[in-house]
Amino acid sequence: YGRVKDRKEFKDINLAADYLWELFG
């Protein structure tokens, strides 16, 4: 159904990668 959670946007690729790693566990 296209539901997402914890969606964030970043200007910096490294901040986005760090957030993904945190979400992943």
mmCIF file of all heavy atoms, coordinates in Angstrom:
data_MODEL
# 
_entry.id   MODEL 
# 
loop_
_atom_site.group_PDB 
_atom_site.id 
_atom_site.type_symbol 
_atom_site.label_atom_id 
_atom_site.label_alt_id 
_atom_site.label_comp_id 
_atom_site.label_asym_id 
_atom_site.label_entity_id 
_atom_site.label_seq_id 
_atom_site.pdbx_PDB_ins_code 
_atom_site.Cartn_x 
_atom_site.Cartn_y 
_atom_site.Cartn_z 
_atom_site.occupancy 
_atom_site.B_iso_or_equiv 
_atom_site.pdbx_formal_charge 
_atom_site.auth_seq_id 
_atom_site.auth_comp_id 
_atom_site.auth_asym_id 
_atom_site.auth_atom_id 
_atom_site.pdbx_PDB_model_num 
ATOM 1   N N   . TYR A 1 1  ? 0.811  -1.215 0.000  1.00 0.00 ? 1  TYR A N   1 
ATOM 2   C CA  . TYR A 1 1  ? 0.000  0.000  0.000  1.00 0.00 ? 1  TYR A CA  1 
ATOM 3   C C   . TYR A 1 1  ? 0.848  1.270  0.000  1.00 0.00 ? 1  TYR A C   1 
ATOM 4   O O   . TYR A 1 1  ? 0.329  2.364  0.147  1.00 0.00 ? 1  TYR A O   1 
ATOM 5   C CB  . TYR A 1 1  ? -0.948 0.001  1.206  1.00 0.00 ? 1  TYR A CB  1 
ATOM 6   C CG  . TYR A 1 1  ? -1.960 -1.110 1.122  1.00 0.00 ? 1  TYR A CG  1 
ATOM 7   C CD1 . TYR A 1 1  ? -1.818 -2.257 1.880  1.00 0.00 ? 1  TYR A CD1 1 
ATOM 8   C CD2 . TYR A 1 1  ? -3.041 -1.027 0.243  1.00 0.00 ? 1  TYR A CD2 1 
ATOM 9   C CE1 . TYR A 1 1  ? -2.739 -3.294 1.789  1.00 0.00 ? 1  TYR A CE1 1 
ATOM 10  C CE2 . TYR A 1 1  ? -3.960 -2.053 0.139  1.00 0.00 ? 1  TYR A CE2 1 
ATOM 11  C CZ  . TYR A 1 1  ? -3.797 -3.179 0.916  1.00 0.00 ? 1  TYR A CZ  1 
ATOM 12  O OH  . TYR A 1 1  ? -4.695 -4.194 0.808  1.00 0.00 ? 1  TYR A OH  1 
ATOM 13  N N   . GLY A 1 2  ? 2.154  1.118  -0.129 1.00 0.00 ? 2  GLY A N   1 
ATOM 14  C CA  . GLY A 1 2  ? 3.038  2.266  -0.225 1.00 0.00 ? 2  GLY A CA  1 
ATOM 15  C C   . GLY A 1 2  ? 3.231  3.045  1.067  1.00 0.00 ? 2  GLY A C   1 
ATOM 16  O O   . GLY A 1 2  ? 3.541  4.221  1.035  1.00 0.00 ? 2  GLY A O   1 
ATOM 17  N N   . ARG A 1 3  ? 3.071  2.385  2.199  1.00 0.00 ? 3  ARG A N   1 
ATOM 18  C CA  . ARG A 1 3  ? 3.266  3.070  3.479  1.00 0.00 ? 3  ARG A CA  1 
ATOM 19  C C   . ARG A 1 3  ? 4.731  3.022  3.889  1.00 0.00 ? 3  ARG A C   1 
ATOM 20  O O   . ARG A 1 3  ? 5.357  1.971  3.832  1.00 0.00 ? 3  ARG A O   1 
ATOM 21  C CB  . ARG A 1 3  ? 2.415  2.427  4.559  1.00 0.00 ? 3  ARG A CB  1 
ATOM 22  C CG  . ARG A 1 3  ? 0.944  2.720  4.360  1.00 0.00 ? 3  ARG A CG  1 
ATOM 23  C CD  . ARG A 1 3  ? 0.152  2.193  5.513  1.00 0.00 ? 3  ARG A CD  1 
ATOM 24  N NE  . ARG A 1 3  ? -0.886 1.355  4.921  1.00 0.00 ? 3  ARG A NE  1 
ATOM 25  C CZ  . ARG A 1 3  ? -1.512 0.396  5.543  1.00 0.00 ? 3  ARG A CZ  1 
ATOM 26  N NH1 . ARG A 1 3  ? -1.242 0.131  6.787  1.00 0.00 ? 3  ARG A NH1 1 
ATOM 27  N NH2 . ARG A 1 3  ? -2.435 -0.300 4.941  1.00 0.00 ? 3  ARG A NH2 1 
ATOM 28  N N   . VAL A 1 4  ? 5.236  4.171  4.310  1.00 0.00 ? 4  VAL A N   1 
ATOM 29  C CA  . VAL A 1 4  ? 6.622  4.263  4.754  1.00 0.00 ? 4  VAL A CA  1 
ATOM 30  C C   . VAL A 1 4  ? 6.674  4.881  6.147  1.00 0.00 ? 4  VAL A C   1 
ATOM 31  O O   . VAL A 1 4  ? 5.715  5.498  6.603  1.00 0.00 ? 4  VAL A O   1 
ATOM 32  C CB  . VAL A 1 4  ? 7.497  5.080  3.772  1.00 0.00 ? 4  VAL A CB  1 
ATOM 33  C CG1 . VAL A 1 4  ? 7.484  4.458  2.398  1.00 0.00 ? 4  VAL A CG1 1 
ATOM 34  C CG2 . VAL A 1 4  ? 7.062  6.521  3.710  1.00 0.00 ? 4  VAL A CG2 1 
ATOM 35  N N   . LYS A 1 5  ? 7.816  4.722  6.794  1.00 0.00 ? 5  LYS A N   1 
ATOM 36  C CA  . LYS A 1 5  ? 8.005  5.248  8.133  1.00 0.00 ? 5  LYS A CA  1 
ATOM 37  C C   . LYS A 1 5  ? 9.406  5.836  8.223  1.00 0.00 ? 5  LYS A C   1 
ATOM 38  O O   . LYS A 1 5  ? 10.315 5.398  7.523  1.00 0.00 ? 5  LYS A O   1 
ATOM 39  C CB  . LYS A 1 5  ? 7.854  4.108  9.142  1.00 0.00 ? 5  LYS A CB  1 
ATOM 40  C CG  . LYS A 1 5  ? 7.876  4.530  10.575 1.00 0.00 ? 5  LYS A CG  1 
ATOM 41  C CD  . LYS A 1 5  ? 7.612  3.341  11.474 1.00 0.00 ? 5  LYS A CD  1 
ATOM 42  C CE  . LYS A 1 5  ? 7.614  3.785  12.919 1.00 0.00 ? 5  LYS A CE  1 
ATOM 43  N NZ  . LYS A 1 5  ? 7.371  2.675  13.827 1.00 0.00 ? 5  LYS A NZ  1 
ATOM 44  N N   . ASP A 1 6  ? 9.577  6.804  9.082  1.00 0.00 ? 6  ASP A N   1 
ATOM 45  C CA  . ASP A 1 6  ? 10.885 7.401  9.354  1.00 0.00 ? 6  ASP A CA  1 
ATOM 46  C C   . ASP A 1 6  ? 11.520 8.014  8.114  1.00 0.00 ? 6  ASP A C   1 
ATOM 47  O O   . ASP A 1 6  ? 12.724 7.935  7.922  1.00 0.00 ? 6  ASP A O   1 
ATOM 48  C CB  . ASP A 1 6  ? 11.847 6.364  9.963  1.00 0.00 ? 6  ASP A CB  1 
ATOM 49  C CG  . ASP A 1 6  ? 11.298 5.720  11.213 1.00 0.00 ? 6  ASP A CG  1 
ATOM 50  O OD1 . ASP A 1 6  ? 10.715 6.464  12.033 1.00 0.00 ? 6  ASP A OD1 1 
ATOM 51  O OD2 . ASP A 1 6  ? 11.419 4.498  11.370 1.00 0.00 ? 6  ASP A OD2 1 
ATOM 52  N N   . ARG A 1 7  ? 10.727 8.631  7.260  1.00 0.00 ? 7  ARG A N   1 
ATOM 53  C CA  . ARG A 1 7  ? 11.251 9.234  6.035  1.00 0.00 ? 7  ARG A CA  1 
ATOM 54  C C   . ARG A 1 7  ? 11.902 10.571 6.345  1.00 0.00 ? 7  ARG A C   1 
ATOM 55  O O   . ARG A 1 7  ? 11.316 11.419 7.001  1.00 0.00 ? 7  ARG A O   1 
ATOM 56  C CB  . ARG A 1 7  ? 10.129 9.451  5.028  1.00 0.00 ? 7  ARG A CB  1 
ATOM 57  C CG  . ARG A 1 7  ? 10.625 9.928  3.686  1.00 0.00 ? 7  ARG A CG  1 
ATOM 58  C CD  . ARG A 1 7  ? 9.455  10.166 2.725  1.00 0.00 ? 7  ARG A CD  1 
ATOM 59  N NE  . ARG A 1 7  ? 9.878  10.353 1.367  1.00 0.00 ? 7  ARG A NE  1 
ATOM 60  C CZ  . ARG A 1 7  ? 10.480 11.452 0.898  1.00 0.00 ? 7  ARG A CZ  1 
ATOM 61  N NH1 . ARG A 1 7  ? 10.727 12.457 1.720  1.00 0.00 ? 7  ARG A NH1 1 
ATOM 62  N NH2 . ARG A 1 7  ? 10.833 11.549 -0.358 1.00 0.00 ? 7  ARG A NH2 1 
ATOM 63  N N   . LYS A 1 8  ? 13.136 10.726 5.861  1.00 0.00 ? 8  LYS A N   1 
ATOM 64  C CA  . LYS A 1 8  ? 13.858 11.989 6.028  1.00 0.00 ? 8  LYS A CA  1 
ATOM 65  C C   . LYS A 1 8  ? 14.612 12.320 4.758  1.00 0.00 ? 8  LYS A C   1 
ATOM 66  O O   . LYS A 1 8  ? 15.002 11.428 4.017  1.00 0.00 ? 8  LYS A O   1 
ATOM 67  C CB  . LYS A 1 8  ? 14.851 11.900 7.191  1.00 0.00 ? 8  LYS A CB  1 
ATOM 68  C CG  . LYS A 1 8  ? 14.221 11.895 8.555  1.00 0.00 ? 8  LYS A CG  1 
ATOM 69  C CD  . LYS A 1 8  ? 15.274 12.044 9.633  1.00 0.00 ? 8  LYS A CD  1 
ATOM 70  C CE  . LYS A 1 8  ? 14.637 12.052 11.007 1.00 0.00 ? 8  LYS A CE  1 
ATOM 71  N NZ  . LYS A 1 8  ? 15.632 12.206 12.066 1.00 0.00 ? 8  LYS A NZ  1 
ATOM 72  N N   . GLU A 1 9  ? 14.811 13.625 4.549  1.00 0.00 ? 9  GLU A N   1 
ATOM 73  C CA  . GLU A 1 9  ? 15.606 14.115 3.427  1.00 0.00 ? 9  GLU A CA  1 
ATOM 74  C C   . GLU A 1 9  ? 16.853 14.797 3.966  1.00 0.00 ? 9  GLU A C   1 
ATOM 75  O O   . GLU A 1 9  ? 16.805 15.469 4.989  1.00 0.00 ? 9  GLU A O   1 
ATOM 76  C CB  . GLU A 1 9  ? 14.816 15.116 2.590  1.00 0.00 ? 9  GLU A CB  1 
ATOM 77  C CG  . GLU A 1 9  ? 13.712 14.507 1.787  1.00 0.00 ? 9  GLU A CG  1 
ATOM 78  C CD  . GLU A 1 9  ? 13.054 15.497 0.849  1.00 0.00 ? 9  GLU A CD  1 
ATOM 79  O OE1 . GLU A 1 9  ? 13.633 16.573 0.588  1.00 0.00 ? 9  GLU A OE1 1 
ATOM 80  O OE2 . GLU A 1 9  ? 11.952 15.195 0.382  1.00 0.00 ? 9  GLU A OE2 1 
ATOM 81  N N   . PHE A 1 10 ? 17.946 14.635 3.238  1.00 0.00 ? 10 PHE A N   1 
ATOM 82  C CA  . PHE A 1 10 ? 19.226 15.202 3.635  1.00 0.00 ? 10 PHE A CA  1 
ATOM 83  C C   . PHE A 1 10 ? 19.890 15.873 2.441  1.00 0.00 ? 10 PHE A C   1 
ATOM 84  O O   . PHE A 1 10 ? 19.761 15.405 1.313  1.00 0.00 ? 10 PHE A O   1 
ATOM 85  C CB  . PHE A 1 10 ? 20.177 14.105 4.143  1.00 0.00 ? 10 PHE A CB  1 
ATOM 86  C CG  . PHE A 1 10 ? 19.664 13.360 5.338  1.00 0.00 ? 10 PHE A CG  1 
ATOM 87  C CD1 . PHE A 1 10 ? 18.851 12.257 5.185  1.00 0.00 ? 10 PHE A CD1 1 
ATOM 88  C CD2 . PHE A 1 10 ? 20.001 13.768 6.614  1.00 0.00 ? 10 PHE A CD2 1 
ATOM 89  C CE1 . PHE A 1 10 ? 18.383 11.561 6.284  1.00 0.00 ? 10 PHE A CE1 1 
ATOM 90  C CE2 . PHE A 1 10 ? 19.543 13.075 7.720  1.00 0.00 ? 10 PHE A CE2 1 
ATOM 91  C CZ  . PHE A 1 10 ? 18.722 11.974 7.557  1.00 0.00 ? 10 PHE A CZ  1 
ATOM 92  N N   . LYS A 1 11 ? 20.635 16.928 2.706  1.00 0.00 ? 11 LYS A N   1 
ATOM 93  C CA  . LYS A 1 11 ? 21.470 17.541 1.674  1.00 0.00 ? 11 LYS A CA  1 
ATOM 94  C C   . LYS A 1 11 ? 22.808 16.815 1.581  1.00 0.00 ? 11 LYS A C   1 
ATOM 95  O O   . LYS A 1 11 ? 23.430 16.791 0.528  1.00 0.00 ? 11 LYS A O   1 
ATOM 96  C CB  . LYS A 1 11 ? 21.726 19.018 1.985  1.00 0.00 ? 11 LYS A CB  1 
ATOM 97  C CG  . LYS A 1 11 ? 20.511 19.886 1.811  1.00 0.00 ? 11 LYS A CG  1 
ATOM 98  C CD  . LYS A 1 11 ? 20.865 21.338 2.090  1.00 0.00 ? 11 LYS A CD  1 
ATOM 99  C CE  . LYS A 1 11 ? 19.640 22.214 1.924  1.00 0.00 ? 11 LYS A CE  1 
ATOM 100 N NZ  . LYS A 1 11 ? 19.945 23.624 2.214  1.00 0.00 ? 11 LYS A NZ  1 
ATOM 101 N N   . ASP A 1 12 ? 23.246 16.234 2.684  1.00 0.00 ? 12 ASP A N   1 
ATOM 102 C CA  . ASP A 1 12 ? 24.546 15.576 2.760  1.00 0.00 ? 12 ASP A CA  1 
ATOM 103 C C   . ASP A 1 12 ? 24.398 14.058 2.630  1.00 0.00 ? 12 ASP A C   1 
ATOM 104 O O   . ASP A 1 12 ? 23.637 13.440 3.388  1.00 0.00 ? 12 ASP A O   1 
ATOM 105 C CB  . ASP A 1 12 ? 25.218 15.930 4.086  1.00 0.00 ? 12 ASP A CB  1 
ATOM 106 C CG  . ASP A 1 12 ? 26.583 15.311 4.216  1.00 0.00 ? 12 ASP A CG  1 
ATOM 107 O OD1 . ASP A 1 12 ? 27.463 15.652 3.409  1.00 0.00 ? 12 ASP A OD1 1 
ATOM 108 O OD2 . ASP A 1 12 ? 26.763 14.475 5.133  1.00 0.00 ? 12 ASP A OD2 1 
ATOM 109 N N   . ILE A 1 13 ? 25.136 13.479 1.705  1.00 0.00 ? 13 ILE A N   1 
ATOM 110 C CA  . ILE A 1 13 ? 25.037 12.042 1.455  1.00 0.00 ? 13 ILE A CA  1 
ATOM 111 C C   . ILE A 1 13 ? 25.498 11.211 2.652  1.00 0.00 ? 13 ILE A C   1 
ATOM 112 O O   . ILE A 1 13 ? 24.949 10.148 2.928  1.00 0.00 ? 13 ILE A O   1 
ATOM 113 C CB  . ILE A 1 13 ? 25.818 11.658 0.173  1.00 0.00 ? 13 ILE A CB  1 
ATOM 114 C CG1 . ILE A 1 13 ? 25.456 10.250 -0.279 1.00 0.00 ? 13 ILE A CG1 1 
ATOM 115 C CG2 . ILE A 1 13 ? 27.317 11.831 0.367  1.00 0.00 ? 13 ILE A CG2 1 
ATOM 116 C CD1 . ILE A 1 13 ? 25.971 9.900  -1.648 1.00 0.00 ? 13 ILE A CD1 1 
ATOM 117 N N   . ASN A 1 14 ? 26.487 11.705 3.393  1.00 0.00 ? 14 ASN A N   1 
ATOM 118 C CA  . ASN A 1 14 ? 26.987 10.946 4.539  1.00 0.00 ? 14 ASN A CA  1 
ATOM 119 C C   . ASN A 1 14 ? 26.015 10.956 5.711  1.00 0.00 ? 14 ASN A C   1 
ATOM 120 O O   . ASN A 1 14 ? 25.895 9.961  6.421  1.00 0.00 ? 14 ASN A O   1 
ATOM 121 C CB  . ASN A 1 14 ? 28.362 11.466 4.963  1.00 0.00 ? 14 ASN A CB  1 
ATOM 122 C CG  . ASN A 1 14 ? 29.413 11.177 3.913  1.00 0.00 ? 14 ASN A CG  1 
ATOM 123 O OD1 . ASN A 1 14 ? 29.417 10.113 3.302  1.00 0.00 ? 14 ASN A OD1 1 
ATOM 124 N ND2 . ASN A 1 14 ? 30.282 12.129 3.686  1.00 0.00 ? 14 ASN A ND2 1 
ATOM 125 N N   . LEU A 1 15 ? 25.305 12.053 5.904  1.00 0.00 ? 15 LEU A N   1 
ATOM 126 C CA  . LEU A 1 15 ? 24.271 12.088 6.943  1.00 0.00 ? 15 LEU A CA  1 
ATOM 127 C C   . LEU A 1 15 ? 23.136 11.124 6.589  1.00 0.00 ? 15 LEU A C   1 
ATOM 128 O O   . LEU A 1 15 ? 22.593 10.439 7.462  1.00 0.00 ? 15 LEU A O   1 
ATOM 129 C CB  . LEU A 1 15 ? 23.723 13.503 7.111  1.00 0.00 ? 15 LEU A CB  1 
ATOM 130 C CG  . LEU A 1 15 ? 24.669 14.520 7.743  1.00 0.00 ? 15 LEU A CG  1 
ATOM 131 C CD1 . LEU A 1 15 ? 24.030 15.909 7.736  1.00 0.00 ? 15 LEU A CD1 1 
ATOM 132 C CD2 . LEU A 1 15 ? 25.046 14.107 9.147  1.00 0.00 ? 15 LEU A CD2 1 
ATOM 133 N N   . ALA A 1 16 ? 22.789 11.067 5.312  1.00 0.00 ? 16 ALA A N   1 
ATOM 134 C CA  . ALA A 1 16 ? 21.746 10.143 4.867  1.00 0.00 ? 16 ALA A CA  1 
ATOM 135 C C   . ALA A 1 16 ? 22.191 8.694  5.063  1.00 0.00 ? 16 ALA A C   1 
ATOM 136 O O   . ALA A 1 16 ? 21.406 7.858  5.527  1.00 0.00 ? 16 ALA A O   1 
ATOM 137 C CB  . ALA A 1 16 ? 21.398 10.408 3.410  1.00 0.00 ? 16 ALA A CB  1 
ATOM 138 N N   . ALA A 1 17 ? 23.433 8.397  4.735  1.00 0.00 ? 17 ALA A N   1 
ATOM 139 C CA  . ALA A 1 17 ? 23.954 7.036  4.915  1.00 0.00 ? 17 ALA A CA  1 
ATOM 140 C C   . ALA A 1 17 ? 23.969 6.647  6.385  1.00 0.00 ? 17 ALA A C   1 
ATOM 141 O O   . ALA A 1 17 ? 23.622 5.515  6.745  1.00 0.00 ? 17 ALA A O   1 
ATOM 142 C CB  . ALA A 1 17 ? 25.349 6.939  4.314  1.00 0.00 ? 17 ALA A CB  1 
ATOM 143 N N   . ASP A 1 18 ? 24.352 7.577  7.236  1.00 0.00 ? 18 ASP A N   1 
ATOM 144 C CA  . ASP A 1 18 ? 24.375 7.303  8.669  1.00 0.00 ? 18 ASP A CA  1 
ATOM 145 C C   . ASP A 1 18 ? 22.965 7.039  9.199  1.00 0.00 ? 18 ASP A C   1 
ATOM 146 O O   . ASP A 1 18 ? 22.754 6.134  10.010 1.00 0.00 ? 18 ASP A O   1 
ATOM 147 C CB  . ASP A 1 18 ? 25.028 8.476  9.415  1.00 0.00 ? 18 ASP A CB  1 
ATOM 148 C CG  . ASP A 1 18 ? 25.295 8.143  10.867 1.00 0.00 ? 18 ASP A CG  1 
ATOM 149 O OD1 . ASP A 1 18 ? 25.980 7.123  11.123 1.00 0.00 ? 18 ASP A OD1 1 
ATOM 150 O OD2 . ASP A 1 18 ? 24.817 8.890  11.740 1.00 0.00 ? 18 ASP A OD2 1 
ATOM 151 N N   . TYR A 1 19 ? 21.997 7.802  8.730  1.00 0.00 ? 19 TYR A N   1 
ATOM 152 C CA  . TYR A 1 19 ? 20.611 7.600  9.150  1.00 0.00 ? 19 TYR A CA  1 
ATOM 153 C C   . TYR A 1 19 ? 20.098 6.237  8.672  1.00 0.00 ? 19 TYR A C   1 
ATOM 154 O O   . TYR A 1 19 ? 19.433 5.514  9.422  1.00 0.00 ? 19 TYR A O   1 
ATOM 155 C CB  . TYR A 1 19 ? 19.736 8.732  8.610  1.00 0.00 ? 19 TYR A CB  1 
ATOM 156 C CG  . TYR A 1 19 ? 18.294 8.619  9.002  1.00 0.00 ? 19 TYR A CG  1 
ATOM 157 C CD1 . TYR A 1 19 ? 17.903 8.730  10.327 1.00 0.00 ? 19 TYR A CD1 1 
ATOM 158 C CD2 . TYR A 1 19 ? 17.314 8.397  8.047  1.00 0.00 ? 19 TYR A CD2 1 
ATOM 159 C CE1 . TYR A 1 19 ? 16.574 8.616  10.701 1.00 0.00 ? 19 TYR A CE1 1 
ATOM 160 C CE2 . TYR A 1 19 ? 15.981 8.293  8.403  1.00 0.00 ? 19 TYR A CE2 1 
ATOM 161 C CZ  . TYR A 1 19 ? 15.612 8.398  9.734  1.00 0.00 ? 19 TYR A CZ  1 
ATOM 162 O OH  . TYR A 1 19 ? 14.301 8.281  10.087 1.00 0.00 ? 19 TYR A OH  1 
ATOM 163 N N   . LEU A 1 20 ? 20.427 5.867  7.440  1.00 0.00 ? 20 LEU A N   1 
ATOM 164 C CA  . LEU A 1 20 ? 20.026 4.559  6.919  1.00 0.00 ? 20 LEU A CA  1 
ATOM 165 C C   . LEU A 1 20 ? 20.625 3.441  7.769  1.00 0.00 ? 20 LEU A C   1 
ATOM 166 O O   . LEU A 1 20 ? 19.935 2.486  8.121  1.00 0.00 ? 20 LEU A O   1 
ATOM 167 C CB  . LEU A 1 20 ? 20.464 4.405  5.467  1.00 0.00 ? 20 LEU A CB  1 
ATOM 168 C CG  . LEU A 1 20 ? 20.229 3.022  4.874  1.00 0.00 ? 20 LEU A CG  1 
ATOM 169 C CD1 . LEU A 1 20 ? 18.746 2.806  4.622  1.00 0.00 ? 20 LEU A CD1 1 
ATOM 170 C CD2 . LEU A 1 20 ? 21.008 2.829  3.617  1.00 0.00 ? 20 LEU A CD2 1 
ATOM 171 N N   . TRP A 1 21 ? 21.895 3.572  8.103  1.00 0.00 ? 21 TRP A N   1 
ATOM 172 C CA  . TRP A 1 21 ? 22.566 2.560  8.917  1.00 0.00 ? 21 TRP A CA  1 
ATOM 173 C C   . TRP A 1 21 ? 21.890 2.439  10.286 1.00 0.00 ? 21 TRP A C   1 
ATOM 174 O O   . TRP A 1 21 ? 21.717 1.345  10.813 1.00 0.00 ? 21 TRP A O   1 
ATOM 175 C CB  . TRP A 1 21 ? 24.042 2.924  9.046  1.00 0.00 ? 21 TRP A CB  1 
ATOM 176 C CG  . TRP A 1 21 ? 24.876 1.860  9.655  1.00 0.00 ? 21 TRP A CG  1 
ATOM 177 C CD1 . TRP A 1 21 ? 25.561 1.943  10.825 1.00 0.00 ? 21 TRP A CD1 1 
ATOM 178 C CD2 . TRP A 1 21 ? 25.140 0.551  9.143  1.00 0.00 ? 21 TRP A CD2 1 
ATOM 179 N NE1 . TRP A 1 21 ? 26.239 0.770  11.072 1.00 0.00 ? 21 TRP A NE1 1 
ATOM 180 C CE2 . TRP A 1 21 ? 25.989 -0.100 10.055 1.00 0.00 ? 21 TRP A CE2 1 
ATOM 181 C CE3 . TRP A 1 21 ? 24.732 -0.134 8.009  1.00 0.00 ? 21 TRP A CE3 1 
ATOM 182 C CZ2 . TRP A 1 21 ? 26.440 -1.399 9.861  1.00 0.00 ? 21 TRP A CZ2 1 
ATOM 183 C CZ3 . TRP A 1 21 ? 25.185 -1.428 7.816  1.00 0.00 ? 21 TRP A CZ3 1 
ATOM 184 C CH2 . TRP A 1 21 ? 26.024 -2.044 8.729  1.00 0.00 ? 21 TRP A CH2 1 
ATOM 185 N N   . GLU A 1 22 ? 21.494 3.570  10.843 1.00 0.00 ? 22 GLU A N   1 
ATOM 186 C CA  . GLU A 1 22 ? 20.789 3.583  12.138 1.00 0.00 ? 22 GLU A CA  1 
ATOM 187 C C   . GLU A 1 22 ? 19.428 2.886  12.015 1.00 0.00 ? 22 GLU A C   1 
ATOM 188 O O   . GLU A 1 22 ? 19.063 2.070  12.865 1.00 0.00 ? 22 GLU A O   1 
ATOM 189 C CB  . GLU A 1 22 ? 20.606 5.027  12.580 1.00 0.00 ? 22 GLU A CB  1 
ATOM 190 C CG  . GLU A 1 22 ? 19.874 5.215  13.870 1.00 0.00 ? 22 GLU A CG  1 
ATOM 191 C CD  . GLU A 1 22 ? 19.621 6.684  14.158 1.00 0.00 ? 22 GLU A CD  1 
ATOM 192 O OE1 . GLU A 1 22 ? 20.552 7.494  13.991 1.00 0.00 ? 22 GLU A OE1 1 
ATOM 193 O OE2 . GLU A 1 22 ? 18.481 7.019  14.532 1.00 0.00 ? 22 GLU A OE2 1 
ATOM 194 N N   . LEU A 1 23 ? 18.673 3.209  10.958 1.00 0.00 ? 23 LEU A N   1 
ATOM 195 C CA  . LEU A 1 23 ? 17.378 2.561  10.755 1.00 0.00 ? 23 LEU A CA  1 
ATOM 196 C C   . LEU A 1 23 ? 17.527 1.051  10.558 1.00 0.00 ? 23 LEU A C   1 
ATOM 197 O O   . LEU A 1 23 ? 16.729 0.265  11.049 1.00 0.00 ? 23 LEU A O   1 
ATOM 198 C CB  . LEU A 1 23 ? 16.665 3.136  9.528  1.00 0.00 ? 23 LEU A CB  1 
ATOM 199 C CG  . LEU A 1 23 ? 15.995 4.479  9.643  1.00 0.00 ? 23 LEU A CG  1 
ATOM 200 C CD1 . LEU A 1 23 ? 15.371 4.857  8.301  1.00 0.00 ? 23 LEU A CD1 1 
ATOM 201 C CD2 . LEU A 1 23 ? 14.935 4.485  10.718 1.00 0.00 ? 23 LEU A CD2 1 
ATOM 202 N N   . PHE A 1 24 ? 18.532 0.674  9.806  1.00 0.00 ? 24 PHE A N   1 
ATOM 203 C CA  . PHE A 1 24 ? 18.801 -0.732 9.491  1.00 0.00 ? 24 PHE A CA  1 
ATOM 204 C C   . PHE A 1 24 ? 19.099 -1.532 10.745 1.00 0.00 ? 24 PHE A C   1 
ATOM 205 O O   . PHE A 1 24 ? 18.731 -2.696 10.852 1.00 0.00 ? 24 PHE A O   1 
ATOM 206 C CB  . PHE A 1 24 ? 19.962 -0.800 8.494  1.00 0.00 ? 24 PHE A CB  1 
ATOM 207 C CG  . PHE A 1 24 ? 20.458 -2.175 8.211  1.00 0.00 ? 24 PHE A CG  1 
ATOM 208 C CD1 . PHE A 1 24 ? 19.693 -3.075 7.482  1.00 0.00 ? 24 PHE A CD1 1 
ATOM 209 C CD2 . PHE A 1 24 ? 21.705 -2.583 8.659  1.00 0.00 ? 24 PHE A CD2 1 
ATOM 210 C CE1 . PHE A 1 24 ? 20.172 -4.350 7.215  1.00 0.00 ? 24 PHE A CE1 1 
ATOM 211 C CE2 . PHE A 1 24 ? 22.186 -3.842 8.392  1.00 0.00 ? 24 PHE A CE2 1 
ATOM 212 C CZ  . PHE A 1 24 ? 21.410 -4.732 7.664  1.00 0.00 ? 24 PHE A CZ  1 
ATOM 213 N N   . GLY A 1 25 ? 19.761 -0.927 11.706 1.00 0.00 ? 25 GLY A N   1 
ATOM 214 C CA  . GLY A 1 25 ? 20.101 -1.619 12.939 1.00 0.00 ? 25 GLY A CA  1 
ATOM 215 C C   . GLY A 1 25 ? 21.597 -1.743 13.156 1.00 0.00 ? 25 GLY A C   1 
ATOM 216 O O   . GLY A 1 25 ? 22.031 -2.379 14.115 1.00 0.00 ? 25 GLY A O   1 
# 
